[in-house]
Amino acid sequence: MPRTKEQFEEMRNATRAKIQSAAMQLFAQQGFGMTNVQEIADKAGISIGLLYRHYKTKDELFHELAEFAAAGLARVAERFQSDESPSVLMKGFVQEIYEDMVSGDDLANLMILMSQSFHSIGDTNDGQNGVVTVNKNLIMATSKLIKRGQELDEFAAGDSYEMAMFFFSFIQGLAEMKVKMKDDFVMPSPSILTAFLFSKGG
């Protein structure tokens, strides 16, 4: 019985997901420059010809993954601008990070890929500039959230921008350690991740 259009679309999406997952792991572990298309195809369990039917170049695949990660960061920045309690927003976000980091490697791989996107591809690349903008927006949104939390006496005192930079540098470092250390990595608890914010015991 011939496959339906919907079945073909499901197969296509499943193949793209395999390619993306394989590429994300290899880019994080080896770097963009050290990863070749054949390795991605092998890890995805498909032929290189099939990979090229979905992505014309390795750069195209990398950009799609970077854009996916950037869209996730943009959603976080938007969430931080809501009127909800800053402490509730931050605790919820940190809990999600913790659960994602202990359940698998996808978040860590995406964060490393975002870092690579700053320097792996040409300085004038529009996609790269978009990633830089998204990161800046996220830091600013987090800084404003912390500032609002301080005004509400939910967070400890300090320079809110410096605290936002510290927080995301901390998470980025943990992502890199998770990928490199593998089974020896231990994810700090949410209370440790937010200790600098809740030093008053909030």
Protein backbone atom coordinates (compact mmCIF):
# COMPACT_ATOMS: atom_id res chain seq x y z
CA MET A 1 0.00 0.00 0.00
CA PRO A 2 1.51 3.38 -1.01
CA ARG A 3 2.51 5.76 1.76
CA THR A 4 0.40 8.83 2.32
CA LYS A 5 1.71 12.38 2.11
CA GLU A 6 1.49 12.56 5.92
CA GLN A 7 3.57 9.40 6.30
CA PHE A 8 6.25 10.77 3.99
CA GLU A 9 6.31 13.99 6.01
CA GLU A 10 6.68 12.03 9.26
CA MET A 11 9.58 10.06 7.77
CA ARG A 12 11.19 13.26 6.53
CA ASN A 13 10.88 14.92 9.93
CA ALA A 14 12.22 11.80 11.69
CA THR A 15 15.27 11.77 9.41
CA ARG A 16 15.93 15.48 9.97
CA ALA A 17 15.67 14.92 13.73
CA LYS A 18 18.27 12.13 13.51
CA ILE A 19 20.61 14.34 11.50
CA GLN A 20 20.18 17.27 13.90
CA SER A 21 20.77 15.11 16.97
CA ALA A 22 23.88 13.51 15.48
CA ALA A 23 25.29 16.84 14.31
CA MET A 24 24.60 18.52 17.64
CA GLN A 25 26.50 15.80 19.52
CA LEU A 26 29.46 15.84 17.15
CA PHE A 27 29.69 19.64 16.98
CA ALA A 28 29.66 19.80 20.79
CA GLN A 29 32.22 17.03 21.27
CA GLN A 30 34.58 17.71 18.37
CA GLY A 31 33.85 21.25 17.26
CA PHE A 32 32.33 22.46 14.01
CA GLY A 33 35.62 22.51 12.11
CA MET A 34 36.67 19.00 13.12
CA THR A 35 33.35 17.38 12.21
CA ASN A 36 32.75 16.19 8.65
CA VAL A 37 29.50 15.35 6.90
CA GLN A 38 30.29 11.63 6.64
CA GLU A 39 30.64 11.42 10.44
CA ILE A 40 27.26 13.06 10.87
CA ALA A 41 25.63 10.65 8.42
CA ASP A 42 27.26 7.65 10.11
CA LYS A 43 26.14 8.75 13.57
CA ALA A 44 22.61 9.40 12.29
CA GLY A 45 22.57 5.92 10.71
CA ILE A 46 21.80 7.19 7.21
CA SER A 47 23.61 7.50 3.89
CA ILE A 48 25.49 10.68 3.07
CA GLY A 49 23.27 11.05 0.01
CA LEU A 50 20.17 11.13 2.19
CA LEU A 51 21.79 13.71 4.45
CA TYR A 52 22.47 15.94 1.44
CA ARG A 53 18.81 15.67 0.44
CA HIS A 54 17.99 17.47 3.70
CA TYR A 55 20.98 19.79 4.06
CA LYS A 56 23.09 21.03 1.16
CA THR A 57 26.07 21.92 3.38
CA LYS A 58 27.38 21.45 6.89
CA ASP A 59 27.09 25.22 7.37
CA GLU A 60 23.36 25.08 6.60
CA LEU A 61 22.86 22.36 9.22
CA PHE A 62 24.90 24.28 11.79
CA HIS A 63 22.93 27.48 11.18
CA GLU A 64 19.60 25.70 11.59
CA LEU A 65 20.70 24.27 14.94
CA ALA A 66 22.04 27.65 16.08
CA GLU A 67 18.78 29.33 15.08
CA PHE A 68 16.82 26.70 17.01
CA ALA A 69 18.91 27.38 20.12
CA ALA A 70 18.64 31.14 19.66
CA ALA A 71 14.85 30.88 19.41
CA GLY A 72 14.83 29.06 22.75
CA LEU A 73 16.88 31.83 24.37
CA ALA A 74 14.56 34.45 22.90
CA ARG A 75 11.60 32.69 24.52
CA VAL A 76 13.38 32.76 27.90
CA ALA A 77 14.05 36.50 27.53
CA GLU A 78 10.39 37.08 26.72
CA ARG A 79 9.32 35.00 29.71
CA PHE A 80 11.57 37.03 32.02
CA GLN A 81 9.71 40.19 31.00
CA SER A 82 6.39 38.98 32.42
CA ASP A 83 4.84 40.48 35.56
CA GLU A 84 5.24 37.27 37.54
CA SER A 85 7.37 37.23 40.71
CA PRO A 86 11.08 37.38 39.74
CA SER A 87 11.96 34.71 42.29
CA VAL A 88 9.26 32.38 40.93
CA LEU A 89 10.41 32.95 37.35
CA MET A 90 14.06 32.33 38.18
CA LYS A 91 13.40 29.27 40.32
CA GLY A 92 11.23 27.78 37.58
CA PHE A 93 13.86 28.45 34.91
CA VAL A 94 16.66 26.99 37.01
CA GLN A 95 14.58 23.90 37.77
CA GLU A 96 14.09 23.37 34.03
CA ILE A 97 17.82 23.73 33.40
CA TYR A 98 18.58 21.27 36.18
CA GLU A 99 16.12 18.67 34.88
CA ASP A 100 17.35 19.03 31.29
CA MET A 101 21.00 18.69 32.34
CA VAL A 102 20.44 15.56 34.45
CA SER A 103 18.14 13.86 31.92
CA GLY A 104 20.39 14.05 28.86
CA ASP A 105 22.94 15.95 26.80
CA ASP A 106 20.70 17.97 24.47
CA LEU A 107 20.74 21.22 26.46
CA ALA A 108 24.49 21.04 27.10
CA ASN A 109 25.13 20.33 23.42
CA LEU A 110 22.91 23.24 22.35
CA MET A 111 24.68 25.64 24.70
CA ILE A 112 28.09 24.62 23.38
CA LEU A 113 26.82 24.96 19.83
CA MET A 114 25.62 28.49 20.64
CA SER A 115 29.09 29.32 21.93
CA GLN A 116 30.68 27.91 18.78
CA SER A 117 28.37 29.98 16.62
CA PHE A 118 30.21 33.12 17.77
CA HIS A 119 33.45 32.09 16.14
CA SER A 120 33.09 28.93 14.03
CA ILE A 121 31.70 30.72 10.98
CA GLY A 122 32.67 34.04 9.37
CA ASP A 123 32.54 37.28 11.34
CA THR A 124 30.10 38.91 8.91
CA ASN A 125 27.57 36.08 8.97
CA ASP A 126 24.02 37.36 9.53
CA GLY A 127 23.02 34.30 11.52
CA GLN A 128 25.95 34.79 13.83
CA ASN A 129 25.02 38.43 14.38
CA GLY A 130 21.49 37.26 15.24
CA VAL A 131 22.87 34.87 17.86
CA VAL A 132 24.91 37.69 19.41
CA THR A 133 21.82 39.90 19.56
CA VAL A 134 19.71 37.17 21.17
CA ASN A 135 22.39 36.59 23.81
CA LYS A 136 22.63 40.29 24.59
CA ASN A 137 18.86 40.53 24.87
CA LEU A 138 18.77 37.57 27.24
CA ILE A 139 21.44 39.06 29.50
CA MET A 140 19.60 42.39 29.57
CA ALA A 141 16.24 40.71 30.30
CA THR A 142 17.84 38.71 33.12
CA SER A 143 19.52 41.82 34.50
CA LYS A 144 16.17 43.64 34.56
CA LEU A 145 14.51 40.64 36.20
CA ILE A 146 17.17 40.56 38.92
CA LYS A 147 16.86 44.32 39.40
CA ARG A 148 13.10 44.01 39.81
CA GLY A 149 13.61 41.16 42.26
CA GLN A 150 15.99 43.31 44.29
CA GLU A 151 13.47 46.15 44.41
CA LEU A 152 10.88 43.66 45.70
CA ASP A 153 13.41 42.37 48.26
CA GLU A 154 13.33 38.90 46.67
CA PHE A 155 16.99 38.86 45.62
CA ALA A 156 20.24 39.78 47.30
CA ALA A 157 21.88 43.12 46.60
CA GLY A 158 24.48 43.53 43.86
CA ASP A 159 25.01 44.80 40.34
CA SER A 160 22.19 43.12 38.42
CA TYR A 161 24.07 43.04 35.10
CA GLU A 162 27.12 41.45 36.69
CA MET A 163 24.89 38.89 38.39
CA ALA A 164 23.19 38.04 35.07
CA MET A 165 26.59 37.60 33.39
CA PHE A 166 27.78 35.40 36.26
CA PHE A 167 24.68 33.22 36.08
CA PHE A 168 24.89 32.44 32.37
CA SER A 169 28.67 32.03 32.46
CA PHE A 170 28.15 29.50 35.25
CA ILE A 171 25.55 27.56 33.22
CA GLN A 172 27.73 27.66 30.10
CA GLY A 173 30.68 26.30 32.04
CA LEU A 174 28.57 23.47 33.44
CA ALA A 175 27.40 22.57 29.92
CA GLU A 176 31.00 22.28 28.73
CA MET A 177 32.00 20.24 31.77
CA LYS A 178 29.06 17.87 31.25
CA VAL A 179 30.07 17.13 27.67
CA LYS A 180 33.76 16.69 28.50
CA MET A 181 33.46 14.83 31.83
CA LYS A 182 30.56 12.57 30.78
CA ASP A 183 29.77 10.10 33.63
CA ASP A 184 32.04 11.94 36.09
CA PHE A 185 29.94 15.09 35.84
CA VAL A 186 27.61 15.96 38.71
CA MET A 187 25.02 18.68 38.15
CA PRO A 188 24.79 21.14 41.07
CA SER A 189 21.36 21.37 42.69
CA PRO A 190 18.99 24.27 41.88
CA SER A 191 19.66 25.76 45.32
CA ILE A 192 23.39 25.97 44.54
CA LEU A 193 22.72 27.46 41.11
CA THR A 194 20.69 30.28 42.68
CA ALA A 195 22.67 30.73 45.92
CA PHE A 196 24.11 34.04 44.69
CA LEU A 197 20.58 35.39 44.26
CA PHE A 198 19.07 34.08 47.47
CA SER A 199 21.92 34.70 49.89
CA LYS A 200 19.36 36.12 52.33
CA GLY A 201 17.68 32.73 52.46
CA GLY A 202 14.83 33.70 50.12
